[in-house]
Protein backbone atom coordinates (compact mmCIF):
# COMPACT_ATOMS: atom_id res chain seq x y z
CA MET A 1 0.00 0.00 0.00
CA ILE A 2 2.90 2.33 0.82
CA GLY A 3 4.61 1.65 -2.52
CA SER A 4 1.35 1.95 -4.42
CA SER A 5 0.49 5.13 -2.58
CA VAL A 6 3.87 6.66 -3.36
CA LEU A 7 3.59 5.69 -7.02
CA LEU A 8 0.04 6.93 -7.21
CA ALA A 9 1.06 10.14 -5.52
CA LEU A 10 3.81 10.66 -8.12
CA VAL A 11 1.44 9.97 -11.01
CA ILE A 12 -1.32 12.15 -9.64
CA GLY A 13 1.18 14.85 -8.71
CA ALA A 14 2.57 14.89 -12.24
CA ALA A 15 -0.94 14.95 -13.71
CA PHE A 16 -1.99 17.79 -11.43
CA ALA A 17 1.18 19.69 -12.26
CA VAL A 18 0.28 19.49 -15.95
CA LEU A 19 -3.29 20.50 -15.11
CA LEU A 20 -2.20 23.44 -13.00
CA ILE A 21 0.13 24.66 -15.72
CA ALA A 22 -2.65 24.29 -18.28
CA ILE A 23 -5.14 26.05 -16.01
CA GLN A 24 -2.74 28.90 -15.42
CA ARG A 25 -2.14 29.24 -19.15
CA SER A 26 -5.87 29.06 -19.76
CA ARG A 27 -6.51 31.83 -17.23
CA THR A 28 -3.80 33.94 -18.79
CA ASP A 29 -5.20 33.34 -22.26
CA THR A 30 -8.69 34.11 -21.03
CA ARG A 31 -7.56 37.41 -19.56
CA ARG A 32 -5.79 38.23 -22.80
CA ALA A 33 -8.82 37.24 -24.84
CA ILE A 34 -11.02 39.50 -22.73
CA HIS A 35 -8.48 42.28 -23.12
CA SER A 36 -8.43 41.75 -26.91
CA GLN A 37 -12.21 41.86 -26.94
CA ASP A 38 -12.10 45.15 -25.03
CA VAL A 39 -9.58 46.51 -27.53
CA LEU A 40 -11.78 45.47 -30.46
CA LEU A 41 -14.87 47.01 -28.84
CA ALA A 42 -13.03 50.24 -28.04
CA ALA A 43 -11.62 50.45 -31.57
CA ASN A 44 -15.04 49.77 -33.11
CA ALA A 45 -16.63 52.42 -30.88
CA LEU A 46 -14.04 55.02 -31.87
CA GLU A 47 -14.32 54.07 -35.54
CA GLY A 48 -18.11 54.36 -35.29
CA SER A 49 -17.73 57.84 -33.83
CA VAL A 50 -15.45 58.87 -36.71
CA LEU A 51 -18.06 57.64 -39.18
CA ASP A 52 -20.76 59.54 -37.26
CA LEU A 53 -18.63 62.69 -37.56
CA GLU A 54 -18.40 62.24 -41.33
CA THR A 55 -22.04 61.29 -41.97
CA GLY A 56 -23.39 63.96 -39.62
CA GLN A 57 -21.41 66.78 -41.14
CA ARG A 58 -22.14 65.54 -44.68
CA GLY A 59 -25.88 65.48 -43.98
CA PHE A 60 -25.68 68.99 -42.54
CA LEU A 61 -23.67 70.27 -45.51
CA LEU A 62 -26.20 68.89 -47.97
CA THR A 63 -29.40 69.87 -46.16
CA HIS A 64 -28.45 72.59 -43.64
CA GLN A 65 -30.87 70.90 -41.25
CA ALA A 66 -29.75 71.01 -37.63
CA GLN A 67 -31.08 67.53 -36.92
CA PHE A 68 -28.19 66.03 -38.89
CA LEU A 69 -25.76 67.62 -36.45
CA LEU A 70 -27.05 65.53 -33.54
CA PRO A 71 -24.95 62.40 -34.32
CA TRP A 72 -22.03 64.67 -35.19
CA GLN A 73 -22.27 66.44 -31.82
CA GLN A 74 -22.62 63.15 -29.96
CA ALA A 75 -19.61 61.69 -31.74
CA ARG A 76 -17.59 64.85 -31.13
CA ALA A 77 -18.31 64.56 -27.40
CA ALA A 78 -17.50 60.85 -27.32
CA VAL A 79 -14.24 60.87 -29.32
CA PRO A 80 -11.91 62.12 -26.52
CA GLY A 81 -13.07 59.53 -24.01
CA GLU A 82 -13.04 56.71 -26.55
CA GLY A 83 -9.54 57.67 -27.62
CA ARG A 84 -8.27 57.61 -24.04
CA THR A 85 -9.91 54.24 -23.49
CA LEU A 86 -8.26 52.74 -26.56
CA LEU A 87 -4.83 54.17 -25.63
CA GLY A 88 -5.14 52.77 -22.13
CA LEU A 89 -6.03 49.29 -23.40
CA VAL A 90 -3.09 49.01 -25.82
CA SER A 91 -0.50 50.71 -23.62
CA GLY A 92 1.33 47.40 -23.05
CA ASP A 93 1.80 46.65 -26.76
CA ALA A 94 4.26 48.91 -28.55
CA GLY A 95 2.93 48.23 -32.05
CA GLN A 96 -0.73 48.58 -31.15
CA SER A 97 0.03 51.59 -28.98
CA ALA A 98 1.69 53.33 -31.94
CA ARG A 99 -1.30 52.59 -34.17
CA ALA A 100 -3.72 53.80 -31.50
CA ARG A 101 -1.77 57.03 -31.01
CA GLN A 102 -1.82 57.60 -34.76
CA ILE A 103 -5.58 56.98 -34.86
CA VAL A 104 -6.23 59.36 -31.96
CA ALA A 105 -3.95 62.03 -33.43
CA ASP A 106 -5.53 61.75 -36.90
CA THR A 107 -9.01 61.81 -35.41
CA ARG A 108 -8.27 64.92 -33.37
CA SER A 109 -6.75 66.55 -36.43
CA TYR A 110 -9.75 65.58 -38.53
CA LEU A 111 -12.11 67.05 -35.99
CA ALA A 112 -10.16 70.22 -35.17
CA ASP A 113 -8.67 71.06 -38.60
CA TYR A 114 -11.42 69.88 -40.89
CA SER A 115 -14.77 68.83 -39.46
CA LEU A 116 -15.33 71.59 -36.90
CA PRO A 117 -14.29 74.50 -39.18
CA LEU A 118 -16.35 73.00 -42.00
CA VAL A 119 -19.50 72.76 -39.88
CA GLN A 120 -18.99 76.30 -38.58
CA ALA A 121 -18.58 77.54 -42.12
CA ALA A 122 -21.69 75.69 -43.21
CA GLU A 123 -23.62 77.31 -40.38
CA HIS A 124 -22.74 80.67 -41.98
CA ASN A 125 -23.84 79.36 -45.43
CA GLU A 126 -20.43 79.72 -46.99
CA PRO A 127 -20.65 78.22 -50.50
CA ALA A 128 -17.17 76.68 -50.33
CA THR A 129 -18.41 74.04 -47.90
CA LYS A 130 -20.19 72.15 -50.69
CA THR A 131 -17.31 72.00 -53.15
CA VAL A 132 -15.98 68.67 -54.34
CA PRO A 133 -12.39 69.25 -53.08
CA VAL A 134 -13.63 69.99 -49.58
CA ILE A 135 -15.77 66.85 -49.48
CA ALA A 136 -13.02 64.75 -51.05
CA GLU A 137 -10.55 65.95 -48.42
CA GLY A 138 -12.86 64.70 -45.65
CA GLU A 139 -13.32 61.34 -47.35
CA ALA A 140 -9.55 60.98 -47.78
CA ARG A 141 -8.89 61.80 -44.12
CA VAL A 142 -11.51 59.29 -42.95
CA SER A 143 -10.14 56.68 -45.35
CA VAL A 144 -6.67 57.06 -43.85
CA ILE A 145 -8.02 56.76 -40.31
CA ARG A 146 -10.07 53.69 -41.23
CA GLY A 147 -7.00 52.14 -42.84
CA ILE A 148 -5.11 52.42 -39.54
CA PHE A 149 -8.15 51.02 -37.77
CA GLY A 150 -7.98 48.05 -40.12
CA GLN A 151 -4.31 47.50 -39.27
CA LEU A 152 -5.01 47.68 -35.53
CA LEU A 153 -7.97 45.29 -35.74
CA ALA A 154 -6.08 42.85 -37.98
CA ALA A 155 -3.12 42.80 -35.59
CA GLU A 156 -5.40 42.19 -32.64
CA ARG A 157 -7.22 39.36 -34.42
CA THR A 158 -3.90 37.77 -35.36
CA SER A 159 -2.88 37.91 -31.71
CA VAL A 160 -6.20 36.31 -30.71
CA ARG A 161 -5.70 33.45 -33.18
CA ALA A 162 -2.19 32.83 -31.87
CA ARG A 163 -3.46 32.68 -28.32
CA ASP A 164 -6.26 30.33 -29.37
CA ALA A 165 -3.70 27.96 -30.87
CA ALA A 166 -1.64 28.09 -27.67
CA SER A 167 -4.76 27.43 -25.60
CA ARG A 168 -5.63 24.38 -27.69
CA SER A 169 -2.11 23.05 -27.24
CA ALA A 170 -2.32 23.54 -23.48
CA ALA A 171 -5.73 21.87 -23.41
CA THR A 172 -4.34 18.86 -25.24
CA ALA A 173 -1.47 18.53 -22.76
CA ALA A 174 -3.90 18.84 -19.88
CA TYR A 175 -6.12 16.16 -21.40
CA ILE A 176 -3.23 13.73 -21.74
CA GLY A 177 -2.03 14.41 -18.20
CA ALA A 178 -5.52 13.96 -16.78
CA LEU A 179 -6.03 10.74 -18.73
CA VAL A 180 -2.79 9.26 -17.40
CA GLY A 181 -3.68 10.28 -13.85
CA ILE A 182 -7.17 8.79 -14.12
CA ILE A 183 -5.92 5.48 -15.51
CA ALA A 184 -3.24 5.17 -12.82
CA SER A 185 -5.56 6.01 -9.93
CA ILE A 186 -8.76 4.25 -10.98
CA ALA A 187 -8.25 1.29 -8.66
CA LEU A 188 -7.90 3.39 -5.54
CA VAL A 189 -10.72 5.71 -6.59
CA ALA A 190 -13.03 2.69 -6.92
CA LEU A 191 -12.38 1.84 -3.26
CA TYR A 192 -13.07 5.34 -2.10
CA ALA A 193 -16.08 6.01 -4.37
CA GLY A 194 -18.64 4.17 -2.28
CA PHE A 195 -17.60 5.84 0.95
CA LEU A 196 -17.39 9.31 -0.56
CA THR A 197 -20.78 8.94 -2.22
CA ARG A 198 -22.46 7.80 0.97
CA ALA A 199 -20.71 10.14 3.41
CA ILE A 200 -20.13 13.32 1.37
CA VAL A 201 -21.56 13.42 -2.15
CA ALA A 202 -25.14 12.44 -1.29
CA PRO A 203 -25.41 14.92 1.62
CA ILE A 204 -23.90 17.68 -0.49
CA ARG A 205 -26.38 17.00 -3.29
CA ARG A 206 -29.25 17.12 -0.84
CA ALA A 207 -27.85 20.36 0.54
CA ALA A 208 -27.60 21.83 -2.97
CA SER A 209 -31.19 20.84 -3.76
CA VAL A 210 -32.52 22.30 -0.53
CA THR A 211 -30.42 25.43 -1.05
CA ARG A 212 -32.02 25.96 -4.46
CA ARG A 213 -35.47 25.68 -2.90
CA LEU A 214 -34.43 28.11 -0.20
CA ALA A 215 -33.10 30.55 -2.80
CA GLY A 216 -36.39 30.21 -4.68
CA GLY A 217 -38.30 31.48 -1.65
CA ASP A 218 -39.20 28.26 0.20
CA LEU A 219 -37.85 29.23 3.62
CA THR A 220 -39.37 26.12 5.20
CA SER A 221 -36.75 23.91 3.51
CA ARG A 222 -34.62 21.92 5.95
CA LEU A 223 -31.83 19.32 5.78
CA PRO A 224 -31.90 15.99 7.64
CA GLU A 225 -29.31 16.25 10.41
CA SER A 226 -27.98 12.73 9.86
CA GLY A 227 -24.42 13.48 8.79
CA ILE A 228 -21.29 13.08 10.87
CA GLY A 229 -18.38 15.41 11.41
CA GLU A 230 -18.29 18.53 9.28
CA ILE A 231 -21.23 17.35 7.14
CA GLY A 232 -23.44 17.12 10.22
CA GLU A 233 -22.25 20.54 11.38
CA LEU A 234 -23.03 21.96 7.94
CA GLN A 235 -26.55 20.50 8.06
CA ARG A 236 -27.23 21.91 11.52
CA SER A 237 -25.85 25.33 10.56
CA PHE A 238 -27.92 25.37 7.39
CA ASN A 239 -31.12 24.57 9.30
CA GLN A 240 -30.36 27.29 11.84
CA MET A 241 -29.80 29.78 9.03
CA ALA A 242 -33.04 28.76 7.27
CA ALA A 243 -35.01 29.04 10.52
CA SER A 244 -33.53 32.49 11.15
CA LEU A 245 -34.41 33.62 7.62
CA GLU A 246 -37.95 32.30 8.01
CA ARG A 247 -38.41 34.16 11.28
CA SER A 248 -36.99 37.34 9.76
CA ARG A 249 -39.27 37.00 6.72
CA ASP A 250 -42.34 36.48 8.91
CA GLU A 251 -41.41 39.42 11.12
CA LEU A 252 -40.88 41.62 8.06
CA ILE A 253 -44.24 40.64 6.59
CA GLU A 254 -45.97 41.31 9.90
CA SER A 255 -44.15 44.62 10.27
CA ARG A 256 -45.14 45.77 6.75
CA ALA A 257 -48.74 44.73 7.38
CA ARG A 258 -48.77 46.66 10.68
CA LEU A 259 -47.39 49.73 8.93
CA VAL A 260 -50.13 49.58 6.30
CA VAL A 261 -52.85 49.12 8.92
CA THR A 262 -51.44 51.94 11.04
CA ALA A 263 -51.25 54.26 8.04
CA ASP A 264 -54.85 53.47 7.08
CA GLU A 265 -56.03 54.04 10.63
CA THR A 266 -54.19 57.37 10.71
CA ARG A 267 -55.74 58.40 7.38
CA ARG A 268 -59.20 57.38 8.59
CA ARG A 269 -58.76 59.30 11.87
CA PHE A 270 -57.51 62.34 9.95
CA GLU A 271 -60.52 62.16 7.63
CA ARG A 272 -62.90 61.83 10.60
CA ASP A 273 -61.26 64.77 12.38
CA LEU A 274 -61.63 66.91 9.27
CA HIS A 275 -65.25 65.84 8.80
CA ASP A 276 -66.32 66.21 12.43
CA GLY A 277 -64.09 69.19 13.21
CA ALA A 278 -63.10 71.76 10.60
CA GLN A 279 -65.74 70.77 8.06
CA GLN A 280 -68.61 70.99 10.56
CA ARG A 281 -67.37 74.33 11.83
CA PHE A 282 -67.23 75.64 8.27
CA VAL A 283 -70.79 74.42 7.64
CA THR A 284 -72.00 76.05 10.85
CA THR A 285 -70.24 79.29 9.90
CA ALA A 286 -71.82 79.21 6.44
CA LEU A 287 -75.30 78.75 7.93
CA ARG A 288 -74.75 81.64 10.33
CA LEU A 289 -73.51 83.78 7.45
CA ARG A 290 -76.62 82.97 5.39
CA SER A 291 -78.77 83.77 8.42
CA ALA A 292 -76.98 87.10 8.86
CA GLN A 293 -77.43 87.83 5.15
CA ALA A 294 -81.17 87.20 5.44
CA GLY A 295 -81.38 89.84 8.18
CA VAL A 296 -79.73 92.60 6.14
CA PRO A 297 -82.18 95.46 5.38
CA PRO A 298 -83.12 95.96 1.70
CA GLU A 299 -81.41 99.36 1.63
CA LEU A 300 -78.06 97.61 2.29
CA ALA A 301 -78.14 95.64 -0.96
CA LYS A 302 -74.40 96.09 -1.50
CA LEU A 303 -73.61 94.54 1.88
CA SER A 304 -76.01 91.69 1.14
CA GLY A 305 -74.21 91.05 -2.16
CA GLU A 306 -70.84 90.98 -0.45
CA LEU A 307 -72.14 88.57 2.19
CA ASP A 308 -73.55 86.39 -0.59
CA GLY A 309 -70.14 86.27 -2.27
CA VAL A 310 -68.41 85.37 1.00
CA ALA A 311 -71.00 82.63 1.59
CA ASP A 312 -70.35 81.22 -1.91
CA GLU A 313 -66.60 81.21 -1.30
CA LEU A 314 -67.13 79.46 2.03
CA SER A 315 -69.35 76.85 0.34
CA ALA A 316 -66.66 76.26 -2.27
CA ALA A 317 -64.07 75.86 0.50
CA ILE A 318 -66.32 73.33 2.23
CA ASP A 319 -66.68 71.34 -1.01
CA GLN A 320 -62.91 71.43 -1.51
CA LEU A 321 -62.31 70.31 2.08
CA ARG A 322 -64.86 67.52 1.65
CA HIS A 323 -63.10 66.37 -1.55
CA PHE A 324 -59.75 66.51 0.22
CA ALA A 325 -61.06 64.45 3.15
CA GLN A 326 -62.58 61.94 0.72
CA GLY A 327 -59.13 61.50 -0.90
CA ILE A 328 -57.49 60.87 2.46
CA HIS A 329 -59.85 58.05 3.36
CA PRO A 330 -63.23 57.52 1.64
CA ALA A 331 -65.98 57.47 4.21
CA ILE A 332 -68.20 55.44 1.88
CA LEU A 333 -65.73 52.55 2.11
CA ALA A 334 -66.04 52.35 5.89
CA GLU A 335 -69.80 52.88 5.86
CA GLY A 336 -70.99 50.88 2.85
CA GLY A 337 -68.15 48.52 1.97
CA LEU A 338 -66.30 47.77 -1.23
CA GLY A 339 -69.32 47.57 -3.55
CA PRO A 340 -70.68 51.10 -3.04
CA ALA A 341 -67.13 52.51 -2.97
CA MET A 342 -66.30 50.88 -6.31
CA ARG A 343 -69.52 52.11 -7.91
CA LYS A 344 -68.76 55.64 -6.74
CA LEU A 345 -65.25 55.41 -8.17
CA ALA A 346 -66.71 54.26 -11.50
CA ARG A 347 -69.19 57.17 -11.57
CA GLN A 348 -66.54 59.76 -10.71
CA SER A 349 -63.89 58.39 -13.09
CA ALA A 350 -62.68 60.68 -15.88
CA VAL A 351 -63.04 57.76 -18.32
CA PRO A 352 -66.12 55.55 -18.78
CA VAL A 353 -65.83 52.46 -16.59
CA GLU A 354 -67.48 49.07 -17.02
CA LEU A 355 -67.69 47.62 -13.50
CA GLU A 356 -68.30 43.96 -12.66
CA MET A 357 -68.60 43.09 -8.96
CA GLN A 358 -68.81 39.57 -7.58
CA THR A 359 -68.49 39.88 -3.81
CA ASN A 360 -70.49 38.52 -0.89
CA GLY A 361 -70.65 40.60 2.27
CA ARG A 362 -67.89 42.63 3.80
CA LEU A 363 -64.19 41.81 3.53
CA PRO A 364 -61.44 42.55 6.08
CA GLU A 365 -60.93 46.29 6.27
CA GLN A 366 -57.29 46.27 5.10
CA VAL A 367 -58.27 44.18 2.07
CA GLU A 368 -61.08 46.56 1.09
CA VAL A 369 -58.83 49.59 1.53
CA ALA A 370 -56.08 48.04 -0.60
CA ALA A 371 -58.54 47.08 -3.36
CA TYR A 372 -60.07 50.56 -3.31
CA TYR A 373 -56.75 52.35 -3.70
CA VAL A 374 -55.61 49.93 -6.43
CA VAL A 375 -58.69 50.72 -8.53
CA SER A 376 -58.54 54.45 -7.73
CA GLU A 377 -54.88 54.75 -8.73
CA ALA A 378 -55.35 52.61 -11.85
CA LEU A 379 -58.30 54.70 -13.10
CA THR A 380 -56.41 57.93 -12.36
CA ASN A 381 -53.40 56.68 -14.33
CA ALA A 382 -55.62 55.52 -17.19
CA ALA A 383 -57.06 59.02 -17.58
CA LYS A 384 -53.99 61.09 -16.70
CA HIS A 385 -51.09 59.11 -18.16
CA GLY A 386 -52.64 56.40 -20.34
CA LYS A 387 -55.02 58.71 -22.29
CA ALA A 388 -57.58 55.89 -22.23
CA SER A 389 -61.10 56.24 -23.65
CA ARG A 390 -62.61 53.47 -21.54
CA ALA A 391 -61.73 51.04 -18.77
CA ALA A 392 -63.07 47.80 -17.32
CA VAL A 393 -62.87 46.85 -13.63
CA THR A 394 -63.55 43.32 -12.38
CA VAL A 395 -63.72 42.52 -8.66
CA ASP A 396 -64.13 38.85 -7.78
CA SER A 397 -64.13 37.61 -4.19
CA GLY A 398 -63.43 33.92 -3.63
CA PRO A 399 -63.32 32.00 -0.36
CA ASP A 400 -59.64 32.82 0.24
CA THR A 401 -58.68 35.47 -2.33
CA LEU A 402 -59.94 38.78 -3.65
CA ARG A 403 -59.00 39.29 -7.29
CA VAL A 404 -59.09 42.77 -8.85
CA VAL A 405 -58.39 43.38 -12.56
CA ILE A 406 -58.30 46.81 -14.24
CA VAL A 407 -57.92 46.99 -18.02
CA ASP A 408 -57.85 50.15 -20.18
CA ASP A 409 -57.37 50.89 -23.88
CA GLY A 410 -54.79 53.65 -23.40
CA ILE A 411 -51.32 54.10 -24.81
CA GLY A 412 -49.68 51.69 -22.34
CA GLY A 413 -46.04 52.00 -21.33
CA ALA A 414 -46.70 52.05 -17.57
CA GLU A 415 -43.94 50.72 -15.32
CA PHE A 416 -43.32 50.29 -11.63
CA GLY A 417 -41.10 53.06 -10.34
CA ARG A 418 -41.92 55.85 -12.81
CA GLY A 419 -43.75 58.18 -10.43
CA SER A 420 -47.26 56.91 -11.24
CA GLY A 421 -48.04 55.66 -7.73
CA LEU A 422 -47.69 52.03 -8.78
CA VAL A 423 -44.76 51.48 -6.44
CA GLY A 424 -46.89 52.48 -3.46
CA LEU A 425 -49.62 50.09 -4.60
CA LYS A 426 -47.08 47.29 -5.00
CA ASP A 427 -45.77 47.86 -1.48
CA ARG A 428 -49.30 47.93 -0.04
CA VAL A 429 -50.38 44.73 -1.84
CA GLU A 430 -47.22 42.80 -0.97
CA ALA A 431 -47.40 43.96 2.65
CA LEU A 432 -50.75 42.13 2.87
CA GLY A 433 -49.26 38.99 1.32
CA GLY A 434 -50.79 39.63 -2.10
CA THR A 435 -49.42 39.77 -5.62
CA ILE A 436 -49.64 42.49 -8.28
CA THR A 437 -49.02 42.01 -12.00
CA LEU A 438 -48.65 44.79 -14.58
CA GLN A 439 -48.89 44.32 -18.35
CA SER A 440 -48.50 47.57 -20.28
CA GLU A 441 -46.72 47.28 -23.60
CA PRO A 442 -46.62 50.60 -25.50
CA GLY A 443 -49.65 50.99 -27.73
CA THR A 444 -51.59 48.03 -26.28
CA GLY A 445 -53.25 49.50 -23.21
CA THR A 446 -52.62 48.57 -19.60
CA SER A 447 -53.77 45.60 -17.52
CA LEU A 448 -53.28 45.62 -13.74
CA SER A 449 -54.10 42.42 -11.85
CA VAL A 450 -54.06 42.11 -8.05
CA GLU A 451 -54.73 39.15 -5.80
CA LEU A 452 -55.19 39.71 -2.06
CA PRO A 453 -55.55 36.98 0.57
CA VAL A 454 -58.78 37.29 2.51
CA ASP A 455 -57.31 35.53 5.59
CA GLY A 456 -60.03 33.10 6.34
CA GLY A 457 -62.95 34.55 4.43
CA VAL A 458 -65.18 37.58 4.66
CA ALA A 459 -65.49 39.69 7.70
CA ALA A 460 -68.60 39.67 9.80
């Protein structure tokens, strides 16, 4: 066993030495290949900018339309940075560095000595800008620059092919070394295979499978704690981590739900305070003002008119305050439930709404509030941003889920996170354990679908 082990160690050591050398060469070649790719991309970008300079100025010379200067201006702004990038990438190669410096110098000369003065002259309608010699000079300059680009790209591709050949040679040597090592060690590996499979490979595979489920969101995944040594420790540590993540997830969900409920309660209390406090005082004041106006003598018609105007302004303020309070928290939702609130939203919508309600009784308050604000925000977006001419709202309450779908025929293009209020809706829905789906391709209208858990059915 000692002699066999020593021999096997020598064979495997030699094979691994070949492999390590091949791996190192492969890494080096990979880094060089990535570098060559960066050089090619940088060169192509700079060459594209040079072509944009030529085509932009040519279009402007021929048409005198400012829109043709846009690609020229963009290319002019990009050329310095692209030139520095290319010079930095080829700084370690004398030949490529020389070509890159020549390209950058010729490009700067083309821009400063030819393109920029020519565009400025064209802006002043100088007739010389359209002459054949002037145009031919630009084409000749660009042709020279592109020729150097061709040399640089050809040299880089030749270098890539040489490295590919070296990589294939290293791969062949690695293959031979690995084959020799495998053949020499197959007997010993056969003895170890059963033990390794039972003690290490199988537990690791189970761990990988459970880890994928955990990464996919199943935080209830656990490993059997049947391993020994480090494998058993790994299983126990994994289960502790999964349990901690599950607790954190549950606490986060509960915290978000509490925040939503607290915010809704605050909004409802604010709305009630406005309705029972300031709004009632305004109404009382308006009634007293009308009463005072009624007692004004006929000879004071001017005073009566002024009091009438003040009373109208006060009535308008009351209506505005009532609308503001309704936006904070709709009283009809608390008093009548989701059905009347949805019908009122449909009547007040700026676009015609086809409403279909399939609900039985009252739902939990937080579910009704979330559904109300989803529909309200969706209809507002349909009119304000989507330019829709009609919309359809479907509300369907099942035993465990409330499903709300809003579809409009607007211009589409809605996205989460573009200031339309959809992000707030998404946070509210997900805080209640629900899901929200948005489909809004440009030109095809918008469809917003929300599913909210009812948590055991309808409320009493």
